[in-house]
Amino acid sequence: MDFSENQPIYQQISDHICNQILDKKWTPDDRIPSVREIAVAMEVNPNTAMRAFQILQEKGILVNKRGVGHFIADDAYETVLELKRIEFIETDVPAFIKSMKRLGYSLSDIKDLA
């Protein structure tokens, strides 16, 4: 995985897992690779991978079954979808609008493209 310098690595790992869920590659009750497996695959420190897992557990996206591994929560898809929608509205849309204004586009120009 190619990491961006604009965002902490643990957050990028968390986003990768969320994208797997949104793409329905991982579904409720699926066991995901272990912290160590993720760390090795992504060539990061296991502590970095563990931080991503902890964040996803706190958000209710992952469930840790002690001694067995981490699993996708029953409502993970809906949770991730809602979080990504909020992020899109709060981050991506304002950046897009700012770029539009900078380039001299209006909303009607964009509407004509769709």
PDB file of N, CA and C in Angstrom:
ATOM      1  N   MET A   1       0.861  -1.181   0.000  1.00  0.00           N
ATOM      2  CA  MET A   1       0.000   0.000   0.000  1.00  0.00           C
ATOM      3  C   MET A   1       0.897   1.229   0.000  1.00  0.00           C
ATOM      4  N   ASP A   2       0.553   2.191  -0.840  1.00  0.00           N
ATOM      5  CA  ASP A   2       1.280   3.450  -0.883  1.00  0.00           C
ATOM      6  C   ASP A   2       0.606   4.421   0.074  1.00  0.00           C
ATOM      7  N   PHE A   3       1.379   4.881   1.045  1.00  0.00           N
ATOM      8  CA  PHE A   3       0.818   5.772   2.054  1.00  0.00           C
ATOM      9  C   PHE A   3       1.038   7.225   1.675  1.00  0.00           C
ATOM     10  N   SER A   4       0.058   8.046   1.988  1.00  0.00           N
ATOM     11  CA  SER A   4       0.133   9.481   1.772  1.00  0.00           C
ATOM     12  C   SER A   4       0.763  10.129   3.004  1.00  0.00           C
ATOM     13  N   GLU A   5       1.482  11.195   2.784  1.00  0.00           N
ATOM     14  CA  GLU A   5       2.080  11.907   3.916  1.00  0.00           C
ATOM     15  C   GLU A   5       1.106  12.889   4.540  1.00  0.00           C
ATOM     16  N   ASN A   6      -0.079  13.033   3.934  1.00  0.00           N
ATOM     17  CA  ASN A   6      -1.066  14.000   4.415  1.00  0.00           C
ATOM     18  C   ASN A   6      -1.925  13.484   5.556  1.00  0.00           C
ATOM     19  N   GLN A   7      -1.808  12.207   5.868  1.00  0.00           N
ATOM     20  CA  GLN A   7      -2.689  11.585   6.852  1.00  0.00           C
ATOM     21  C   GLN A   7      -1.896  10.523   7.613  1.00  0.00           C
ATOM     22  N   PRO A   8      -2.145  10.381   8.916  1.00  0.00           N
ATOM     23  CA  PRO A   8      -1.432   9.342   9.678  1.00  0.00           C
ATOM     24  C   PRO A   8      -1.670   7.955   9.080  1.00  0.00           C
ATOM     25  N   ILE A   9      -0.659   7.104   9.159  1.00  0.00           N
ATOM     26  CA  ILE A   9      -0.730   5.764   8.578  1.00  0.00           C
ATOM     27  C   ILE A   9      -1.864   4.952   9.195  1.00  0.00           C
ATOM     28  N   TYR A  10      -2.045   5.050  10.517  1.00  0.00           N
ATOM     29  CA  TYR A  10      -3.124   4.275  11.146  1.00  0.00           C
ATOM     30  C   TYR A  10      -4.479   4.673  10.582  1.00  0.00           C
ATOM     31  N   GLN A  11      -4.642   5.948  10.242  1.00  0.00           N
ATOM     32  CA  GLN A  11      -5.907   6.411   9.669  1.00  0.00           C
ATOM     33  C   GLN A  11      -6.085   5.855   8.255  1.00  0.00           C
ATOM     34  N   GLN A  12      -4.998   5.773   7.517  1.00  0.00           N
ATOM     35  CA  GLN A  12      -5.068   5.220   6.165  1.00  0.00           C
ATOM     36  C   GLN A  12      -5.401   3.725   6.201  1.00  0.00           C
ATOM     37  N   ILE A  13      -4.871   3.019   7.190  1.00  0.00           N
ATOM     38  CA  ILE A  13      -5.212   1.602   7.362  1.00  0.00           C
ATOM     39  C   ILE A  13      -6.689   1.470   7.716  1.00  0.00           C
ATOM     40  N   SER A  14      -7.144   2.322   8.609  1.00  0.00           N
ATOM     41  CA  SER A  14      -8.562   2.335   8.996  1.00  0.00           C
ATOM     42  C   SER A  14      -9.442   2.606   7.779  1.00  0.00           C
ATOM     43  N   ASP A  15      -9.049   3.569   6.952  1.00  0.00           N
ATOM     44  CA  ASP A  15      -9.804   3.888   5.731  1.00  0.00           C
ATOM     45  C   ASP A  15      -9.807   2.707   4.768  1.00  0.00           C
ATOM     46  N   HIS A  16      -8.681   2.016   4.663  1.00  0.00           N
ATOM     47  CA  HIS A  16      -8.589   0.847   3.790  1.00  0.00           C
ATOM     48  C   HIS A  16      -9.594  -0.224   4.232  1.00  0.00           C
ATOM     49  N   ILE A  17      -9.644  -0.480   5.524  1.00  0.00           N
ATOM     50  CA  ILE A  17     -10.584  -1.474   6.058  1.00  0.00           C
ATOM     51  C   ILE A  17     -12.027  -1.027   5.795  1.00  0.00           C
ATOM     52  N   CYS A  18     -12.295   0.250   6.020  1.00  0.00           N
ATOM     53  CA  CYS A  18     -13.643   0.782   5.763  1.00  0.00           C
ATOM     54  C   CYS A  18     -14.008   0.655   4.291  1.00  0.00           C
ATOM     55  N   ASN A  19     -13.057   0.902   3.411  1.00  0.00           N
ATOM     56  CA  ASN A  19     -13.331   0.771   1.974  1.00  0.00           C
ATOM     57  C   ASN A  19     -13.612  -0.681   1.593  1.00  0.00           C
ATOM     58  N   GLN A  20     -12.934  -1.613   2.232  1.00  0.00           N
ATOM     59  CA  GLN A  20     -13.203  -3.030   1.994  1.00  0.00           C
ATOM     60  C   GLN A  20     -14.650  -3.356   2.377  1.00  0.00           C
ATOM     61  N   ILE A  21     -15.103  -2.737   3.462  1.00  0.00           N
ATOM     62  CA  ILE A  21     -16.480  -2.944   3.923  1.00  0.00           C
ATOM     63  C   ILE A  21     -17.468  -2.303   2.949  1.00  0.00           C
ATOM     64  N   LEU A  22     -17.198  -1.065   2.526  1.00  0.00           N
ATOM     65  CA  LEU A  22     -18.093  -0.389   1.586  1.00  0.00           C
ATOM     66  C   LEU A  22     -18.148  -1.102   0.236  1.00  0.00           C
ATOM     67  N   ASP A  23     -17.026  -1.683  -0.164  1.00  0.00           N
ATOM     68  CA  ASP A  23     -16.983  -2.428  -1.428  1.00  0.00           C
ATOM     69  C   ASP A  23     -17.555  -3.838  -1.280  1.00  0.00           C
ATOM     70  N   LYS A  24     -17.989  -4.149  -0.065  1.00  0.00           N
ATOM     71  CA  LYS A  24     -18.595  -5.440   0.285  1.00  0.00           C
ATOM     72  C   LYS A  24     -17.644  -6.628   0.072  1.00  0.00           C
ATOM     73  N   LYS A  25     -16.351  -6.344   0.203  1.00  0.00           N
ATOM     74  CA  LYS A  25     -15.362  -7.420   0.163  1.00  0.00           C
ATOM     75  C   LYS A  25     -15.304  -8.108   1.528  1.00  0.00           C
ATOM     76  N   TRP A  26     -15.609  -7.336   2.571  1.00  0.00           N
ATOM     77  CA  TRP A  26     -15.728  -7.880   3.925  1.00  0.00           C
ATOM     78  C   TRP A  26     -17.135  -7.559   4.410  1.00  0.00           C
ATOM     79  N   THR A  27     -17.839  -8.564   4.851  1.00  0.00           N
ATOM     80  CA  THR A  27     -19.232  -8.408   5.268  1.00  0.00           C
ATOM     81  C   THR A  27     -19.383  -8.798   6.735  1.00  0.00           C
ATOM     82  N   PRO A  28     -20.544  -8.516   7.341  1.00  0.00           N
ATOM     83  CA  PRO A  28     -20.740  -8.826   8.757  1.00  0.00           C
ATOM     84  C   PRO A  28     -20.341 -10.262   9.099  1.00  0.00           C
ATOM     85  N   ASP A  29     -19.686 -10.376  10.215  1.00  0.00           N
ATOM     86  CA  ASP A  29     -19.196 -11.640  10.783  1.00  0.00           C
ATOM     87  C   ASP A  29     -17.981 -12.218  10.061  1.00  0.00           C
ATOM     88  N   ASP A  30     -17.474 -11.536   9.024  1.00  0.00           N
ATOM     89  CA  ASP A  30     -16.228 -11.989   8.397  1.00  0.00           C
ATOM     90  C   ASP A  30     -15.068 -11.742   9.352  1.00  0.00           C
ATOM     91  N   ARG A  31     -14.183 -12.715   9.440  1.00  0.00           N
ATOM     92  CA  ARG A  31     -12.952 -12.533  10.199  1.00  0.00           C
ATOM     93  C   ARG A  31     -11.969 -11.836   9.277  1.00  0.00           C
ATOM     94  N   ILE A  32     -11.376 -10.758   9.750  1.00  0.00           N
ATOM     95  CA  ILE A  32     -10.410 -10.038   8.928  1.00  0.00           C
ATOM     96  C   ILE A  32      -8.999 -10.463   9.325  1.00  0.00           C
ATOM     97  N   PRO A  33      -8.006 -10.155   8.500  1.00  0.00           N
ATOM     98  CA  PRO A  33      -6.634 -10.511   8.873  1.00  0.00           C
ATOM     99  C   PRO A  33      -6.262  -9.926  10.230  1.00  0.00           C
ATOM    100  N   SER A  34      -5.376 -10.624  10.921  1.00  0.00           N
ATOM    101  CA  SER A  34      -4.952 -10.182  12.254  1.00  0.00           C
ATOM    102  C   SER A  34      -4.140  -8.891  12.163  1.00  0.00           C
ATOM    103  N   VAL A  35      -3.933  -8.277  13.311  1.00  0.00           N
ATOM    104  CA  VAL A  35      -3.112  -7.076  13.388  1.00  0.00           C
ATOM    105  C   VAL A  35      -1.740  -7.366  12.785  1.00  0.00           C
ATOM    106  N   ARG A  36      -1.164  -8.481  13.175  1.00  0.00           N
ATOM    107  CA  ARG A  36       0.166  -8.837  12.666  1.00  0.00           C
ATOM    108  C   ARG A  36       0.141  -9.052  11.150  1.00  0.00           C
ATOM    109  N   GLU A  37      -0.878  -9.734  10.654  1.00  0.00           N
ATOM    110  CA  GLU A  37      -0.988  -9.972   9.208  1.00  0.00           C
ATOM    111  C   GLU A  37      -1.135  -8.664   8.431  1.00  0.00           C
ATOM    112  N   ILE A  38      -1.944  -7.752   8.960  1.00  0.00           N
ATOM    113  CA  ILE A  38      -2.112  -6.441   8.324  1.00  0.00           C
ATOM    114  C   ILE A  38      -0.787  -5.677   8.352  1.00  0.00           C
ATOM    115  N   ALA A  39      -0.115  -5.710   9.497  1.00  0.00           N
ATOM    116  CA  ALA A  39       1.162  -4.998   9.634  1.00  0.00           C
ATOM    117  C   ALA A  39       2.191  -5.521   8.637  1.00  0.00           C
ATOM    118  N   VAL A  40       2.275  -6.832   8.509  1.00  0.00           N
ATOM    119  CA  VAL A  40       3.232  -7.424   7.568  1.00  0.00           C
ATOM    120  C   VAL A  40       2.846  -7.072   6.131  1.00  0.00           C
ATOM    121  N   ALA A  41       1.579  -7.225   5.793  1.00  0.00           N
ATOM    122  CA  ALA A  41       1.112  -6.962   4.427  1.00  0.00           C
ATOM    123  C   ALA A  41       1.335  -5.500   4.027  1.00  0.00           C
ATOM    124  N   MET A  42       1.165  -4.594   4.986  1.00  0.00           N
ATOM    125  CA  MET A  42       1.278  -3.171   4.683  1.00  0.00           C
ATOM    126  C   MET A  42       2.642  -2.595   5.050  1.00  0.00           C
ATOM    127  N   GLU A  43       3.494  -3.467   5.574  1.00  0.00           N
ATOM    128  CA  GLU A  43       4.859  -3.077   5.947  1.00  0.00           C
ATOM    129  C   GLU A  43       4.881  -1.914   6.934  1.00  0.00           C
ATOM    130  N   VAL A  44       4.103  -2.082   8.011  1.00  0.00           N
ATOM    131  CA  VAL A  44       4.056  -1.080   9.074  1.00  0.00           C
ATOM    132  C   VAL A  44       4.302  -1.764  10.417  1.00  0.00           C
ATOM    133  N   ASN A  45       4.556  -0.961  11.411  1.00  0.00           N
ATOM    134  CA  ASN A  45       4.727  -1.453  12.770  1.00  0.00           C
ATOM    135  C   ASN A  45       3.396  -2.022  13.265  1.00  0.00           C
ATOM    136  N   PRO A  46       3.408  -3.181  13.944  1.00  0.00           N
ATOM    137  CA  PRO A  46       2.156  -3.739  14.470  1.00  0.00           C
ATOM    138  C   PRO A  46       1.388  -2.773  15.372  1.00  0.00           C
ATOM    139  N   ASN A  47       2.100  -1.898  16.083  1.00  0.00           N
ATOM    140  CA  ASN A  47       1.420  -0.921  16.932  1.00  0.00           C
ATOM    141  C   ASN A  47       0.576   0.054  16.102  1.00  0.00           C
ATOM    142  N   THR A  48       1.056   0.362  14.913  1.00  0.00           N
ATOM    143  CA  THR A  48       0.310   1.249  14.016  1.00  0.00           C
ATOM    144  C   THR A  48      -0.972   0.560  13.557  1.00  0.00           C
ATOM    145  N   ALA A  49      -0.855  -0.699  13.172  1.00  0.00           N
ATOM    146  CA  ALA A  49      -2.039  -1.464  12.757  1.00  0.00           C
ATOM    147  C   ALA A  49      -3.005  -1.614  13.925  1.00  0.00           C
ATOM    148  N   MET A  50      -2.480  -1.866  15.109  1.00  0.00           N
ATOM    149  CA  MET A  50      -3.330  -2.027  16.293  1.00  0.00           C
ATOM    150  C   MET A  50      -4.113  -0.756  16.586  1.00  0.00           C
ATOM    151  N   ARG A  51      -3.488   0.388  16.370  1.00  0.00           N
ATOM    152  CA  ARG A  51      -4.191   1.652  16.603  1.00  0.00           C
ATOM    153  C   ARG A  51      -5.385   1.784  15.654  1.00  0.00           C
ATOM    154  N   ALA A  52      -5.198   1.381  14.398  1.00  0.00           N
ATOM    155  CA  ALA A  52      -6.311   1.415  13.434  1.00  0.00           C
ATOM    156  C   ALA A  52      -7.436   0.498  13.900  1.00  0.00           C
ATOM    157  N   PHE A  53      -7.079  -0.705  14.355  1.00  0.00           N
ATOM    158  CA  PHE A  53      -8.090  -1.656  14.833  1.00  0.00           C
ATOM    159  C   PHE A  53      -8.833  -1.087  16.042  1.00  0.00           C
ATOM    160  N   GLN A  54      -8.109  -0.461  16.959  1.00  0.00           N
ATOM    161  CA  GLN A  54      -8.742   0.102  18.156  1.00  0.00           C
ATOM    162  C   GLN A  54      -9.746   1.194  17.793  1.00  0.00           C
ATOM    163  N   ILE A  55      -9.371   2.039  16.848  1.00  0.00           N
ATOM    164  CA  ILE A  55     -10.277   3.105  16.419  1.00  0.00           C
ATOM    165  C   ILE A  55     -11.546   2.507  15.818  1.00  0.00           C
ATOM    166  N   LEU A  56     -11.389   1.487  14.996  1.00  0.00           N
ATOM    167  CA  LEU A  56     -12.545   0.857  14.364  1.00  0.00           C
ATOM    168  C   LEU A  56     -13.410   0.123  15.385  1.00  0.00           C
ATOM    169  N   GLN A  57     -12.797  -0.421  16.414  1.00  0.00           N
ATOM    170  CA  GLN A  57     -13.575  -1.048  17.494  1.00  0.00           C
ATOM    171  C   GLN A  57     -14.377   0.009  18.242  1.00  0.00           C
ATOM    172  N   GLU A  58     -13.741   1.138  18.544  1.00  0.00           N
ATOM    173  CA  GLU A  58     -14.421   2.212  19.272  1.00  0.00           C
ATOM    174  C   GLU A  58     -15.623   2.743  18.494  1.00  0.00           C
ATOM    175  N   LYS A  59     -15.528   2.722  17.170  1.00  0.00           N
ATOM    176  CA  LYS A  59     -16.625   3.201  16.329  1.00  0.00           C
ATOM    177  C   LYS A  59     -17.678   2.126  16.078  1.00  0.00           C
ATOM    178  N   GLY A  60     -17.423   0.912  16.573  1.00  0.00           N
ATOM    179  CA  GLY A  60     -18.385  -0.166  16.407  1.00  0.00           C
ATOM    180  C   GLY A  60     -18.334  -0.838  15.047  1.00  0.00           C
ATOM    181  N   ILE A  61     -17.226  -0.681  14.342  1.00  0.00           N
ATOM    182  CA  ILE A  61     -17.077  -1.266  13.014  1.00  0.00           C
ATOM    183  C   ILE A  61     -16.477  -2.662  13.100  1.00  0.00           C
ATOM    184  N   LEU A  62     -15.559  -2.842  14.018  1.00  0.00           N
ATOM    185  CA  LEU A  62     -14.937  -4.144  14.266  1.00  0.00           C
ATOM    186  C   LEU A  62     -15.323  -4.651  15.642  1.00  0.00           C
ATOM    187  N   VAL A  63     -15.366  -5.966  15.762  1.00  0.00           N
ATOM    188  CA  VAL A  63     -15.623  -6.625  17.039  1.00  0.00           C
ATOM    189  C   VAL A  63     -14.452  -7.574  17.284  1.00  0.00           C
ATOM    190  N   ASN A  64     -13.876  -7.506  18.475  1.00  0.00           N
ATOM    191  CA  ASN A  64     -12.780  -8.398  18.832  1.00  0.00           C
ATOM    192  C   ASN A  64     -13.338  -9.561  19.633  1.00  0.00           C
ATOM    193  N   LYS A  65     -13.171 -10.754  19.086  1.00  0.00           N
ATOM    194  CA  LYS A  65     -13.553 -11.965  19.816  1.00  0.00           C
ATOM    195  C   LYS A  65     -12.262 -12.531  20.386  1.00  0.00           C
ATOM    196  N   ARG A  66     -12.117 -12.356  21.664  1.00  0.00           N
ATOM    197  CA  ARG A  66     -10.874 -12.702  22.344  1.00  0.00           C
ATOM    198  C   ARG A  66     -10.398 -14.115  21.999  1.00  0.00           C
ATOM    199  N   GLY A  67      -9.149 -14.186  21.575  1.00  0.00           N
ATOM    200  CA  GLY A  67      -8.546 -15.458  21.239  1.00  0.00           C
ATOM    201  C   GLY A  67      -8.887 -15.979  19.850  1.00  0.00           C
ATOM    202  N   VAL A  68      -9.820 -15.301  19.179  1.00  0.00           N
ATOM    203  CA  VAL A  68     -10.249 -15.757  17.855  1.00  0.00           C
ATOM    204  C   VAL A  68      -9.832 -14.762  16.772  1.00  0.00           C
ATOM    205  N   GLY A  69     -10.017 -13.477  17.036  1.00  0.00           N
ATOM    206  CA  GLY A  69      -9.643 -12.448  16.071  1.00  0.00           C
ATOM    207  C   GLY A  69     -10.648 -11.320  15.992  1.00  0.00           C
ATOM    208  N   HIS A  70     -10.455 -10.490  15.004  1.00  0.00           N
ATOM    209  CA  HIS A  70     -11.347  -9.353  14.767  1.00  0.00           C
ATOM    210  C   HIS A  70     -12.322  -9.695  13.654  1.00  0.00           C
ATOM    211  N   PHE A  71     -13.560  -9.267  13.854  1.00  0.00           N
ATOM    212  CA  PHE A  71     -14.635  -9.558  12.917  1.00  0.00           C
ATOM    213  C   PHE A  71     -15.368  -8.268  12.559  1.00  0.00           C
ATOM    214  N   ILE A  72     -15.976  -8.275  11.383  1.00  0.00           N
ATOM    215  CA  ILE A  72     -16.786  -7.138  10.943  1.00  0.00           C
ATOM    216  C   ILE A  72     -18.098  -7.151  11.740  1.00  0.00           C
ATOM    217  N   ALA A  73     -18.433  -6.019  12.326  1.00  0.00           N
ATOM    218  CA  ALA A  73     -19.659  -5.897  13.123  1.00  0.00           C
ATOM    219  C   ALA A  73     -20.898  -6.032  12.234  1.00  0.00           C
ATOM    220  N   ASP A  74     -21.989  -6.411  12.843  1.00  0.00           N
ATOM    221  CA  ASP A  74     -23.245  -6.625  12.110  1.00  0.00           C
ATOM    222  C   ASP A  74     -23.698  -5.389  11.330  1.00  0.00           C
ATOM    223  N   ASP A  75     -23.556  -4.211  11.939  1.00  0.00           N
ATOM    224  CA  ASP A  75     -24.017  -2.984  11.280  1.00  0.00           C
ATOM    225  C   ASP A  75     -22.855  -2.139  10.764  1.00  0.00           C
ATOM    226  N   ALA A  76     -21.720  -2.781  10.485  1.00  0.00           N
ATOM    227  CA  ALA A  76     -20.518  -2.063  10.051  1.00  0.00           C
ATOM    228  C   ALA A  76     -20.746  -1.286   8.755  1.00  0.00           C
ATOM    229  N   TYR A  77     -21.426  -1.901   7.790  1.00  0.00           N
ATOM    230  CA  TYR A  77     -21.646  -1.223   6.504  1.00  0.00           C
ATOM    231  C   TYR A  77     -22.384   0.099   6.715  1.00  0.00           C
ATOM    232  N   GLU A  78     -23.457   0.066   7.473  1.00  0.00           N
ATOM    233  CA  GLU A  78     -24.252   1.276   7.714  1.00  0.00           C
ATOM    234  C   GLU A  78     -23.440   2.315   8.488  1.00  0.00           C
ATOM    235  N   THR A  79     -22.666   1.856   9.466  1.00  0.00           N
ATOM    236  CA  THR A  79     -21.838   2.772  10.259  1.00  0.00           C
ATOM    237  C   THR A  79     -20.796   3.445   9.383  1.00  0.00           C
ATOM    238  N   VAL A  80     -20.092   2.651   8.583  1.00  0.00           N
ATOM    239  CA  VAL A  80     -19.052   3.203   7.708  1.00  0.00           C
ATOM    240  C   VAL A  80     -19.674   4.148   6.686  1.00  0.00           C
ATOM    241  N   LEU A  81     -20.792   3.766   6.107  1.00  0.00           N
ATOM    242  CA  LEU A  81     -21.460   4.610   5.123  1.00  0.00           C
ATOM    243  C   LEU A  81     -21.810   5.969   5.720  1.00  0.00           C
ATOM    244  N   GLU A  82     -22.357   5.965   6.912  1.00  0.00           N
ATOM    245  CA  GLU A  82     -22.726   7.229   7.566  1.00  0.00           C
ATOM    246  C   GLU A  82     -21.489   8.068   7.877  1.00  0.00           C
ATOM    247  N   LEU A  83     -20.433   7.443   8.390  1.00  0.00           N
ATOM    248  CA  LEU A  83     -19.198   8.180   8.694  1.00  0.00           C
ATOM    249  C   LEU A  83     -18.568   8.761   7.434  1.00  0.00           C
ATOM    250  N   LYS A  84     -18.554   7.994   6.356  1.00  0.00           N
ATOM    251  CA  LYS A  84     -17.970   8.464   5.095  1.00  0.00           C
ATOM    252  C   LYS A  84     -18.816   9.571   4.476  1.00  0.00           C
ATOM    253  N   ARG A  85     -20.125   9.505   4.634  1.00  0.00           N
ATOM    254  CA  ARG A  85     -20.987  10.573   4.122  1.00  0.00           C
ATOM    255  C   ARG A  85     -20.722  11.877   4.871  1.00  0.00           C
ATOM    256  N   ILE A  86     -20.594  11.794   6.176  1.00  0.00           N
ATOM    257  CA  ILE A  86     -20.295  12.981   6.978  1.00  0.00           C
ATOM    258  C   ILE A  86     -18.951  13.560   6.567  1.00  0.00           C
ATOM    259  N   GLU A  87     -17.953  12.692   6.435  1.00  0.00           N
ATOM    260  CA  GLU A  87     -16.619  13.135   6.022  1.00  0.00           C
ATOM    261  C   GLU A  87     -16.670  13.809   4.645  1.00  0.00           C
ATOM    262  N   PHE A  88     -17.428  13.240   3.729  1.00  0.00           N
ATOM    263  CA  PHE A  88     -17.566  13.804   2.385  1.00  0.00           C
ATOM    264  C   PHE A  88     -18.149  15.215   2.445  1.00  0.00           C
ATOM    265  N   ILE A  89     -19.226  15.378   3.195  1.00  0.00           N
ATOM    266  CA  ILE A  89     -19.893  16.680   3.296  1.00  0.00           C
ATOM    267  C   ILE A  89     -19.015  17.707   4.003  1.00  0.00           C
ATOM    268  N   GLU A  90     -18.304  17.283   5.044  1.00  0.00           N
ATOM    269  CA  GLU A  90     -17.508  18.220   5.837  1.00  0.00           C
ATOM    270  C   GLU A  90     -16.143  18.519   5.234  1.00  0.00           C
ATOM    271  N   THR A  91     -15.603  17.607   4.423  1.00  0.00           N
ATOM    272  CA  THR A  91     -14.239  17.781   3.916  1.00  0.00           C
ATOM    273  C   THR A  91     -14.183  17.923   2.397  1.00  0.00           C
ATOM    274  N   ASP A  92     -14.720  16.940   1.699  1.00  0.00           N
ATOM    275  CA  ASP A  92     -14.578  16.910   0.240  1.00  0.00           C
ATOM    276  C   ASP A  92     -15.390  17.989  -0.466  1.00  0.00           C
ATOM    277  N   VAL A  93     -16.628  18.175  -0.063  1.00  0.00           N
ATOM    278  CA  VAL A  93     -17.482  19.158  -0.728  1.00  0.00           C
ATOM    279  C   VAL A  93     -16.928  20.574  -0.565  1.00  0.00           C
ATOM    280  N   PRO A  94     -16.544  21.012   0.639  1.00  0.00           N
ATOM    281  CA  PRO A  94     -15.971  22.360   0.750  1.00  0.00           C
ATOM    282  C   PRO A  94     -14.703  22.548  -0.091  1.00  0.00           C
ATOM    283  N   ALA A  95     -13.843  21.522  -0.137  1.00  0.00           N
ATOM    284  CA  ALA A  95     -12.625  21.614  -0.952  1.00  0.00           C
ATOM    285  C   ALA A  95     -12.986  21.715  -2.431  1.00  0.00           C
ATOM    286  N   PHE A  96     -13.976  20.948  -2.864  1.00  0.00           N
ATOM    287  CA  PHE A  96     -14.433  20.980  -4.251  1.00  0.00           C
ATOM    288  C   PHE A  96     -14.982  22.366  -4.605  1.00  0.00           C
ATOM    289  N   ILE A  97     -15.818  22.903  -3.725  1.00  0.00           N
ATOM    290  CA  ILE A  97     -16.419  24.216  -3.983  1.00  0.00           C
ATOM    291  C   ILE A  97     -15.343  25.295  -4.024  1.00  0.00           C
ATOM    292  N   LYS A  98     -14.379  25.209  -3.144  1.00  0.00           N
ATOM    293  CA  LYS A  98     -13.275  26.173  -3.127  1.00  0.00           C
ATOM    294  C   LYS A  98     -12.502  26.109  -4.448  1.00  0.00           C
ATOM    295  N   SER A  99     -12.230  24.910  -4.928  1.00  0.00           N
ATOM    296  CA  SER A  99     -11.531  24.744  -6.212  1.00  0.00           C
ATOM    297  C   SER A  99     -12.375  25.274  -7.366  1.00  0.00           C
ATOM    298  N   MET A 100     -13.681  25.023  -7.318  1.00  0.00           N
ATOM    299  CA  MET A 100     -14.580  25.539  -8.360  1.00  0.00           C
ATOM    300  C   MET A 100     -14.485  27.051  -8.457  1.00  0.00           C
ATOM    301  N   LYS A 101     -14.583  27.710  -7.298  1.00  0.00           N
ATOM    302  CA  LYS A 101     -14.539  29.173  -7.267  1.00  0.00           C
ATOM    303  C   LYS A 101     -13.198  29.678  -7.783  1.00  0.00           C
ATOM    304  N   ARG A 102     -12.147  29.017  -7.365  1.00  0.00           N
ATOM    305  CA  ARG A 102     -10.797  29.409  -7.773  1.00  0.00           C
ATOM    306  C   ARG A 102     -10.634  29.313  -9.296  1.00  0.00           C
ATOM    307  N   LEU A 103     -11.294  28.325  -9.894  1.00  0.00           N
ATOM    308  CA  LEU A 103     -11.179  28.107 -11.334  1.00  0.00           C
ATOM    309  C   LEU A 103     -12.250  28.833 -12.141  1.00  0.00           C
ATOM    310  N   GLY A 104     -13.140  29.529 -11.453  1.00  0.00           N
ATOM    311  CA  GLY A 104     -14.144  30.326 -12.134  1.00  0.00           C
ATOM    312  C   GLY A 104     -15.380  29.567 -12.577  1.00  0.00           C
ATOM    313  N   TYR A 105     -15.624  28.410 -11.987  1.00  0.00           N
ATOM    314  CA  TYR A 105     -16.829  27.640 -12.302  1.00  0.00           C
ATOM    315  C   TYR A 105     -17.973  28.053 -11.391  1.00  0.00           C
ATOM    316  N   SER A 106     -19.195  27.941 -11.935  1.00  0.00           N
ATOM    317  CA  SER A 106     -20.392  28.156 -11.120  1.00  0.00           C
ATOM    318  C   SER A 106     -21.075  26.815 -10.937  1.00  0.00           C
ATOM    319  N   LEU A 107     -22.057  26.768 -10.037  1.00  0.00           N
ATOM    320  CA  LEU A 107     -22.814  25.531  -9.841  1.00  0.00           C
ATOM    321  C   LEU A 107     -23.532  25.108 -11.112  1.00  0.00           C
ATOM    322  N   SER A 108     -24.012  26.081 -11.900  1.00  0.00           N
ATOM    323  CA  SER A 108     -24.700  25.729 -13.137  1.00  0.00           C
ATOM    324  C   SER A 108     -23.732  25.116 -14.153  1.00  0.00           C
ATOM    325  N   ASP A 109     -22.469  25.554 -14.145  1.00  0.00           N
ATOM    326  CA  ASP A 109     -21.457  24.932 -15.024  1.00  0.00           C
ATOM    327  C   ASP A 109     -21.288  23.465 -14.684  1.00  0.00           C
ATOM    328  N   ILE A 110     -21.258  23.165 -13.419  1.00  0.00           N
ATOM    329  CA  ILE A 110     -21.074  21.791 -12.961  1.00  0.00           C
ATOM    330  C   ILE A 110     -22.322  20.967 -13.273  1.00  0.00           C
ATOM    331  N   LYS A 111     -23.485  21.572 -13.079  1.00  0.00           N
ATOM    332  CA  LYS A 111     -24.740  20.876 -13.362  1.00  0.00           C
ATOM    333  C   LYS A 111     -24.811  20.477 -14.835  1.00  0.00           C
ATOM    334  N   ASP A 112     -24.302  21.317 -15.706  1.00  0.00           N
ATOM    335  CA  ASP A 112     -24.318  21.033 -17.145  1.00  0.00           C
ATOM    336  C   ASP A 112     -23.407  19.841 -17.486  1.00  0.00           C
ATOM    337  N   LEU A 113     -22.402  19.590 -16.682  1.00  0.00           N
ATOM    338  CA  LEU A 113     -21.486  18.483 -16.920  1.00  0.00           C
ATOM    339  C   LEU A 113     -22.099  17.131 -16.561  1.00  0.00           C
ATOM    340  N   ALA A 114     -23.050  17.143 -15.636  1.00  0.00           N
ATOM    341  CA  ALA A 114     -23.616  15.887 -15.133  1.00  0.00           C
ATOM    342  C   ALA A 114     -24.613  15.269 -16.039  1.00  0.00           C
TER     343      ALA A 114
END
